[in-house]
Amino acid sequence: MKTLQIEELKSQLLEILTEVKAGEEVLIISGKFRENIAMLIPYTKYKKRKSIKLGLLKDKTMKIHNDFKMTTEELISL
């Protein structure tokens, strides 16, 4: 993973975007305290993170309190 100051990103934007497209992850930082600002990741990796893994709650249990008032339709529409 590459780390860049905002100023470096500004001056090398096209080069950095080419690297990101090729699979490189880039952390953008700012200031003398090197505060993390943003993370550039390839779109394909972002798309995978947004997908829902089926079976995520398999073999998990949870208790719903008696005062929970929501119809199945309301729950599905969330």
PDB file of N, CA and C in Angstrom:
ATOM      1  N   MET A   1       0.850  -1.174   0.000  1.00  0.00           N
ATOM      2  CA  MET A   1       0.000   0.000   0.000  1.00  0.00           C
ATOM      3  C   MET A   1       0.896   1.237   0.000  1.00  0.00           C
ATOM      4  N   LYS A   2       0.539   2.148  -0.839  1.00  0.00           N
ATOM      5  CA  LYS A   2       1.289   3.394  -0.987  1.00  0.00           C
ATOM      6  C   LYS A   2       0.635   4.473  -0.111  1.00  0.00           C
ATOM      7  N   THR A   3       1.442   5.364   0.464  1.00  0.00           N
ATOM      8  CA  THR A   3       0.939   6.481   1.258  1.00  0.00           C
ATOM      9  C   THR A   3       1.413   7.782   0.631  1.00  0.00           C
ATOM     10  N   LEU A   4       0.481   8.724   0.441  1.00  0.00           N
ATOM     11  CA  LEU A   4       0.819  10.007  -0.189  1.00  0.00           C
ATOM     12  C   LEU A   4       0.215  11.174   0.581  1.00  0.00           C
ATOM     13  N   GLN A   5       0.973  12.270   0.633  1.00  0.00           N
ATOM     14  CA  GLN A   5       0.434  13.530   1.133  1.00  0.00           C
ATOM     15  C   GLN A   5      -0.507  14.096   0.062  1.00  0.00           C
ATOM     16  N   ILE A   6      -1.443  14.927   0.460  1.00  0.00           N
ATOM     17  CA  ILE A   6      -2.389  15.522  -0.488  1.00  0.00           C
ATOM     18  C   ILE A   6      -1.652  16.252  -1.607  1.00  0.00           C
ATOM     19  N   GLU A   7      -0.589  16.964  -1.270  1.00  0.00           N
ATOM     20  CA  GLU A   7       0.164  17.718  -2.273  1.00  0.00           C
ATOM     21  C   GLU A   7       0.748  16.792  -3.342  1.00  0.00           C
ATOM     22  N   GLU A   8       1.252  15.629  -2.910  1.00  0.00           N
ATOM     23  CA  GLU A   8       1.792  14.657  -3.864  1.00  0.00           C
ATOM     24  C   GLU A   8       0.685  14.124  -4.773  1.00  0.00           C
ATOM     25  N   LEU A   9      -0.468  13.878  -4.196  1.00  0.00           N
ATOM     26  CA  LEU A   9      -1.600  13.386  -4.984  1.00  0.00           C
ATOM     27  C   LEU A   9      -1.984  14.392  -6.063  1.00  0.00           C
ATOM     28  N   LYS A  10      -2.010  15.670  -5.682  1.00  0.00           N
ATOM     29  CA  LYS A  10      -2.367  16.717  -6.650  1.00  0.00           C
ATOM     30  C   LYS A  10      -1.410  16.724  -7.838  1.00  0.00           C
ATOM     31  N   SER A  11      -0.130  16.597  -7.567  1.00  0.00           N
ATOM     32  CA  SER A  11       0.857  16.703  -8.645  1.00  0.00           C
ATOM     33  C   SER A  11       1.007  15.425  -9.471  1.00  0.00           C
ATOM     34  N   GLN A  12       0.540  14.298  -8.938  1.00  0.00           N
ATOM     35  CA  GLN A  12       0.728  13.017  -9.626  1.00  0.00           C
ATOM     36  C   GLN A  12      -0.591  12.287  -9.882  1.00  0.00           C
ATOM     37  N   LEU A  13      -1.687  13.011  -9.962  1.00  0.00           N
ATOM     38  CA  LEU A  13      -3.012  12.389  -9.981  1.00  0.00           C
ATOM     39  C   LEU A  13      -3.176  11.326 -11.069  1.00  0.00           C
ATOM     40  N   LEU A  14      -2.851  11.642 -12.306  1.00  0.00           N
ATOM     41  CA  LEU A  14      -3.047  10.672 -13.385  1.00  0.00           C
ATOM     42  C   LEU A  14      -2.207   9.412 -13.180  1.00  0.00           C
ATOM     43  N   GLU A  15      -0.980   9.597 -12.739  1.00  0.00           N
ATOM     44  CA  GLU A  15      -0.091   8.460 -12.472  1.00  0.00           C
ATOM     45  C   GLU A  15      -0.660   7.583 -11.355  1.00  0.00           C
ATOM     46  N   ILE A  16      -1.132   8.218 -10.287  1.00  0.00           N
ATOM     47  CA  ILE A  16      -1.691   7.487  -9.145  1.00  0.00           C
ATOM     48  C   ILE A  16      -2.953   6.737  -9.556  1.00  0.00           C
ATOM     49  N   LEU A  17      -3.825   7.384 -10.323  1.00  0.00           N
ATOM     50  CA  LEU A  17      -5.050   6.718 -10.766  1.00  0.00           C
ATOM     51  C   LEU A  17      -4.741   5.503 -11.638  1.00  0.00           C
ATOM     52  N   THR A  18      -3.705   5.587 -12.428  1.00  0.00           N
ATOM     53  CA  THR A  18      -3.282   4.441 -13.238  1.00  0.00           C
ATOM     54  C   THR A  18      -2.845   3.288 -12.338  1.00  0.00           C
ATOM     55  N   GLU A  19      -2.110   3.606 -11.283  1.00  0.00           N
ATOM     56  CA  GLU A  19      -1.664   2.584 -10.334  1.00  0.00           C
ATOM     57  C   GLU A  19      -2.847   1.965  -9.597  1.00  0.00           C
ATOM     58  N   VAL A  20      -3.800   2.804  -9.196  1.00  0.00           N
ATOM     59  CA  VAL A  20      -4.991   2.300  -8.503  1.00  0.00           C
ATOM     60  C   VAL A  20      -5.776   1.372  -9.429  1.00  0.00           C
ATOM     61  N   LYS A  21      -5.939   1.776 -10.662  1.00  0.00           N
ATOM     62  CA  LYS A  21      -6.650   0.942 -11.636  1.00  0.00           C
ATOM     63  C   LYS A  21      -5.966  -0.419 -11.797  1.00  0.00           C
ATOM     64  N   ALA A  22      -4.650  -0.438 -11.659  1.00  0.00           N
ATOM     65  CA  ALA A  22      -3.878  -1.679 -11.784  1.00  0.00           C
ATOM     66  C   ALA A  22      -3.911  -2.527 -10.511  1.00  0.00           C
ATOM     67  N   GLY A  23      -4.555  -2.032  -9.440  1.00  0.00           N
ATOM     68  CA  GLY A  23      -4.691  -2.824  -8.219  1.00  0.00           C
ATOM     69  C   GLY A  23      -4.046  -2.249  -6.980  1.00  0.00           C
ATOM     70  N   GLU A  24      -3.275  -1.178  -7.114  1.00  0.00           N
ATOM     71  CA  GLU A  24      -2.591  -0.553  -5.972  1.00  0.00           C
ATOM     72  C   GLU A  24      -3.604   0.167  -5.076  1.00  0.00           C
ATOM     73  N   GLU A  25      -3.413   0.080  -3.763  1.00  0.00           N
ATOM     74  CA  GLU A  25      -4.204   0.851  -2.806  1.00  0.00           C
ATOM     75  C   GLU A  25      -3.360   2.033  -2.355  1.00  0.00           C
ATOM     76  N   VAL A  26      -3.990   3.199  -2.212  1.00  0.00           N
ATOM     77  CA  VAL A  26      -3.258   4.411  -1.853  1.00  0.00           C
ATOM     78  C   VAL A  26      -3.957   5.092  -0.681  1.00  0.00           C
ATOM     79  N   LEU A  27      -3.208   5.308   0.396  1.00  0.00           N
ATOM     80  CA  LEU A  27      -3.708   6.033   1.559  1.00  0.00           C
ATOM     81  C   LEU A  27      -3.317   7.496   1.412  1.00  0.00           C
ATOM     82  N   ILE A  28      -4.291   8.392   1.513  1.00  0.00           N
ATOM     83  CA  ILE A  28      -4.042   9.828   1.412  1.00  0.00           C
ATOM     84  C   ILE A  28      -3.967  10.386   2.832  1.00  0.00           C
ATOM     85  N   ILE A  29      -2.875  11.101   3.111  1.00  0.00           N
ATOM     86  CA  ILE A  29      -2.676  11.675   4.440  1.00  0.00           C
ATOM     87  C   ILE A  29      -2.494  13.182   4.321  1.00  0.00           C
ATOM     88  N   SER A  30      -2.604  13.860   5.475  1.00  0.00           N
ATOM     89  CA  SER A  30      -2.497  15.317   5.457  1.00  0.00           C
ATOM     90  C   SER A  30      -1.792  15.827   6.703  1.00  0.00           C
ATOM     91  N   GLY A  31      -1.031  16.880   6.513  1.00  0.00           N
ATOM     92  CA  GLY A  31      -0.439  17.612   7.628  1.00  0.00           C
ATOM     93  C   GLY A  31       0.759  16.954   8.274  1.00  0.00           C
ATOM     94  N   LYS A  32       1.344  17.698   9.221  1.00  0.00           N
ATOM     95  CA  LYS A  32       2.549  17.200   9.879  1.00  0.00           C
ATOM     96  C   LYS A  32       2.254  16.025  10.808  1.00  0.00           C
ATOM     97  N   PHE A  33       0.978  15.864  11.192  1.00  0.00           N
ATOM     98  CA  PHE A  33       0.603  14.728  12.042  1.00  0.00           C
ATOM     99  C   PHE A  33       0.175  13.519  11.216  1.00  0.00           C
ATOM    100  N   ARG A  34       0.259  13.657   9.896  1.00  0.00           N
ATOM    101  CA  ARG A  34      -0.032  12.567   8.965  1.00  0.00           C
ATOM    102  C   ARG A  34      -1.408  11.945   9.209  1.00  0.00           C
ATOM    103  N   GLU A  35      -2.409  12.806   9.316  1.00  0.00           N
ATOM    104  CA  GLU A  35      -3.781  12.353   9.554  1.00  0.00           C
ATOM    105  C   GLU A  35      -4.313  11.616   8.319  1.00  0.00           C
ATOM    106  N   ASN A  36      -4.888  10.439   8.540  1.00  0.00           N
ATOM    107  CA  ASN A  36      -5.484   9.688   7.442  1.00  0.00           C
ATOM    108  C   ASN A  36      -6.723  10.422   6.936  1.00  0.00           C
ATOM    109  N   ILE A  37      -6.782  10.659   5.630  1.00  0.00           N
ATOM    110  CA  ILE A  37      -7.881  11.405   5.022  1.00  0.00           C
ATOM    111  C   ILE A  37      -8.779  10.501   4.186  1.00  0.00           C
ATOM    112  N   ALA A  38      -8.175   9.699   3.318  1.00  0.00           N
ATOM    113  CA  ALA A  38      -8.963   8.860   2.412  1.00  0.00           C
ATOM    114  C   ALA A  38      -8.133   7.677   1.945  1.00  0.00           C
ATOM    115  N   MET A  39      -8.836   6.693   1.412  1.00  0.00           N
ATOM    116  CA  MET A  39      -8.183   5.520   0.845  1.00  0.00           C
ATOM    117  C   MET A  39      -8.686   5.343  -0.576  1.00  0.00           C
ATOM    118  N   LEU A  40      -7.756   5.286  -1.518  1.00  0.00           N
ATOM    119  CA  LEU A  40      -8.113   5.019  -2.907  1.00  0.00           C
ATOM    120  C   LEU A  40      -7.912   3.531  -3.155  1.00  0.00           C
ATOM    121  N   ILE A  41      -8.974   2.868  -3.592  1.00  0.00           N
ATOM    122  CA  ILE A  41      -8.891   1.445  -3.905  1.00  0.00           C
ATOM    123  C   ILE A  41      -9.468   1.215  -5.293  1.00  0.00           C
ATOM    124  N   PRO A  42      -9.052   0.152  -5.954  1.00  0.00           N
ATOM    125  CA  PRO A  42      -9.614  -0.139  -7.271  1.00  0.00           C
ATOM    126  C   PRO A  42     -11.129  -0.353  -7.171  1.00  0.00           C
ATOM    127  N   TYR A  43     -11.852   0.056  -8.202  1.00  0.00           N
ATOM    128  CA  TYR A  43     -13.307  -0.066  -8.195  1.00  0.00           C
ATOM    129  C   TYR A  43     -13.744  -1.516  -8.008  1.00  0.00           C
ATOM    130  N   THR A  44     -13.031  -2.452  -8.593  1.00  0.00           N
ATOM    131  CA  THR A  44     -13.420  -3.859  -8.460  1.00  0.00           C
ATOM    132  C   THR A  44     -13.379  -4.310  -7.003  1.00  0.00           C
ATOM    133  N   LYS A  45     -12.424  -3.808  -6.254  1.00  0.00           N
ATOM    134  CA  LYS A  45     -12.333  -4.140  -4.828  1.00  0.00           C
ATOM    135  C   LYS A  45     -13.472  -3.482  -4.048  1.00  0.00           C
ATOM    136  N   TYR A  46     -13.806  -2.251  -4.393  1.00  0.00           N
ATOM    137  CA  TYR A  46     -14.925  -1.541  -3.772  1.00  0.00           C
ATOM    138  C   TYR A  46     -16.224  -2.288  -4.038  1.00  0.00           C
ATOM    139  N   LYS A  47     -16.405  -2.731  -5.261  1.00  0.00           N
ATOM    140  CA  LYS A  47     -17.624  -3.432  -5.650  1.00  0.00           C
ATOM    141  C   LYS A  47     -17.778  -4.719  -4.841  1.00  0.00           C
ATOM    142  N   LYS A  48     -16.688  -5.425  -4.598  1.00  0.00           N
ATOM    143  CA  LYS A  48     -16.734  -6.651  -3.797  1.00  0.00           C
ATOM    144  C   LYS A  48     -17.131  -6.348  -2.359  1.00  0.00           C
ATOM    145  N   ARG A  49     -16.671  -5.223  -1.818  1.00  0.00           N
ATOM    146  CA  ARG A  49     -16.989  -4.861  -0.432  1.00  0.00           C
ATOM    147  C   ARG A  49     -18.462  -4.531  -0.253  1.00  0.00           C
ATOM    148  N   LYS A  50     -19.105  -4.039  -1.323  1.00  0.00           N
ATOM    149  CA  LYS A  50     -20.513  -3.676  -1.241  1.00  0.00           C
ATOM    150  C   LYS A  50     -21.431  -4.884  -1.357  1.00  0.00           C
ATOM    151  N   SER A  51     -20.930  -5.993  -1.863  1.00  0.00           N
ATOM    152  CA  SER A  51     -21.788  -7.153  -2.045  1.00  0.00           C
ATOM    153  C   SER A  51     -22.072  -7.807  -0.695  1.00  0.00           C
ATOM    154  N   ILE A  52     -23.229  -8.416  -0.596  1.00  0.00           N
ATOM    155  CA  ILE A  52     -23.640  -9.073   0.637  1.00  0.00           C
ATOM    156  C   ILE A  52     -23.266 -10.548   0.548  1.00  0.00           C
ATOM    157  N   LYS A  53     -22.595 -11.024   1.553  1.00  0.00           N
ATOM    158  CA  LYS A  53     -22.223 -12.430   1.584  1.00  0.00           C
ATOM    159  C   LYS A  53     -23.422 -13.237   2.064  1.00  0.00           C
ATOM    160  N   LEU A  54     -23.881 -14.149   1.224  1.00  0.00           N
ATOM    161  CA  LEU A  54     -24.990 -15.006   1.611  1.00  0.00           C
ATOM    162  C   LEU A  54     -24.528 -15.964   2.699  1.00  0.00           C
ATOM    163  N   GLY A  55     -25.406 -16.218   3.640  1.00  0.00           N
ATOM    164  CA  GLY A  55     -25.071 -17.125   4.722  1.00  0.00           C
ATOM    165  C   GLY A  55     -24.259 -16.483   5.823  1.00  0.00           C
ATOM    166  N   LEU A  56     -24.189 -15.162   5.826  1.00  0.00           N
ATOM    167  CA  LEU A  56     -23.381 -14.447   6.810  1.00  0.00           C
ATOM    168  C   LEU A  56     -23.811 -14.769   8.241  1.00  0.00           C
ATOM    169  N   LEU A  57     -25.120 -14.954   8.448  1.00  0.00           N
ATOM    170  CA  LEU A  57     -25.632 -15.209   9.793  1.00  0.00           C
ATOM    171  C   LEU A  57     -25.938 -16.686  10.042  1.00  0.00           C
ATOM    172  N   LYS A  58     -25.464 -17.545   9.153  1.00  0.00           N
ATOM    173  CA  LYS A  58     -25.706 -18.974   9.314  1.00  0.00           C
ATOM    174  C   LYS A  58     -25.154 -19.439  10.657  1.00  0.00           C
ATOM    175  N   ASP A  59     -25.942 -20.232  11.352  1.00  0.00           N
ATOM    176  CA  ASP A  59     -25.584 -20.787  12.665  1.00  0.00           C
ATOM    177  C   ASP A  59     -25.468 -19.724  13.752  1.00  0.00           C
ATOM    178  N   LYS A  60     -25.990 -18.540  13.517  1.00  0.00           N
ATOM    179  CA  LYS A  60     -26.008 -17.481  14.529  1.00  0.00           C
ATOM    180  C   LYS A  60     -27.432 -17.380  15.078  1.00  0.00           C
ATOM    181  N   THR A  61     -27.554 -17.051  16.336  1.00  0.00           N
ATOM    182  CA  THR A  61     -28.875 -16.862  16.931  1.00  0.00           C
ATOM    183  C   THR A  61     -28.951 -15.482  17.544  1.00  0.00           C
ATOM    184  N   MET A  62     -30.171 -14.999  17.659  1.00  0.00           N
ATOM    185  CA  MET A  62     -30.382 -13.718  18.326  1.00  0.00           C
ATOM    186  C   MET A  62     -31.754 -13.734  18.966  1.00  0.00           C
ATOM    187  N   LYS A  63     -31.913 -12.939  19.978  1.00  0.00           N
ATOM    188  CA  LYS A  63     -33.174 -12.856  20.695  1.00  0.00           C
ATOM    189  C   LYS A  63     -33.829 -11.524  20.361  1.00  0.00           C
ATOM    190  N   ILE A  64     -35.111 -11.574  20.024  1.00  0.00           N
ATOM    191  CA  ILE A  64     -35.872 -10.364  19.740  1.00  0.00           C
ATOM    192  C   ILE A  64     -36.791 -10.114  20.925  1.00  0.00           C
ATOM    193  N   HIS A  65     -36.730  -8.917  21.461  1.00  0.00           N
ATOM    194  CA  HIS A  65     -37.543  -8.568  22.621  1.00  0.00           C
ATOM    195  C   HIS A  65     -39.024  -8.586  22.277  1.00  0.00           C
ATOM    196  N   ASN A  66     -39.844  -8.846  23.284  1.00  0.00           N
ATOM    197  CA  ASN A  66     -41.291  -8.942  23.087  1.00  0.00           C
ATOM    198  C   ASN A  66     -41.917  -7.641  22.605  1.00  0.00           C
ATOM    199  N   ASP A  67     -41.299  -6.505  22.911  1.00  0.00           N
ATOM    200  CA  ASP A  67     -41.885  -5.220  22.517  1.00  0.00           C
ATOM    201  C   ASP A  67     -41.485  -4.793  21.100  1.00  0.00           C
ATOM    202  N   PHE A  68     -40.834  -5.656  20.364  1.00  0.00           N
ATOM    203  CA  PHE A  68     -40.430  -5.356  18.988  1.00  0.00           C
ATOM    204  C   PHE A  68     -41.663  -5.404  18.096  1.00  0.00           C
ATOM    205  N   LYS A  69     -41.986  -4.271  17.492  1.00  0.00           N
ATOM    206  CA  LYS A  69     -43.193  -4.171  16.667  1.00  0.00           C
ATOM    207  C   LYS A  69     -42.804  -3.815  15.241  1.00  0.00           C
ATOM    208  N   MET A  70     -42.735  -4.816  14.386  1.00  0.00           N
ATOM    209  CA  MET A  70     -42.460  -4.578  12.976  1.00  0.00           C
ATOM    210  C   MET A  70     -42.991  -5.778  12.196  1.00  0.00           C
ATOM    211  N   THR A  71     -43.704  -5.482  11.142  1.00  0.00           N
ATOM    212  CA  THR A  71     -44.205  -6.569  10.309  1.00  0.00           C
ATOM    213  C   THR A  71     -43.069  -7.112   9.447  1.00  0.00           C
ATOM    214  N   THR A  72     -43.267  -8.281   8.920  1.00  0.00           N
ATOM    215  CA  THR A  72     -42.271  -8.878   8.031  1.00  0.00           C
ATOM    216  C   THR A  72     -42.024  -7.984   6.827  1.00  0.00           C
ATOM    217  N   GLU A  73     -43.084  -7.397   6.283  1.00  0.00           N
ATOM    218  CA  GLU A  73     -42.961  -6.510   5.125  1.00  0.00           C
ATOM    219  C   GLU A  73     -42.111  -5.282   5.449  1.00  0.00           C
ATOM    220  N   GLU A  74     -42.306  -4.713   6.639  1.00  0.00           N
ATOM    221  CA  GLU A  74     -41.509  -3.551   7.050  1.00  0.00           C
ATOM    222  C   GLU A  74     -40.033  -3.925   7.191  1.00  0.00           C
ATOM    223  N   LEU A  75     -39.783  -5.086   7.746  1.00  0.00           N
ATOM    224  CA  LEU A  75     -38.408  -5.545   7.924  1.00  0.00           C
ATOM    225  C   LEU A  75     -37.732  -5.771   6.577  1.00  0.00           C
ATOM    226  N   ILE A  76     -38.427  -6.390   5.651  1.00  0.00           N
ATOM    227  CA  ILE A  76     -37.864  -6.664   4.329  1.00  0.00           C
ATOM    228  C   ILE A  76     -37.584  -5.381   3.563  1.00  0.00           C
ATOM    229  N   SER A  77     -38.407  -4.357   3.764  1.00  0.00           N
ATOM    230  CA  SER A  77     -38.238  -3.105   3.012  1.00  0.00           C
ATOM    231  C   SER A  77     -37.077  -2.249   3.508  1.00  0.00           C
ATOM    232  N   LEU A  78     -36.436  -2.627   4.605  1.00  0.00           N
ATOM    233  CA  LEU A  78     -35.312  -1.825   5.128  1.00  0.00           C
ATOM    234  C   LEU A  78     -34.158  -1.829   4.219  1.00  0.00           C
TER     235      LEU A  78
END
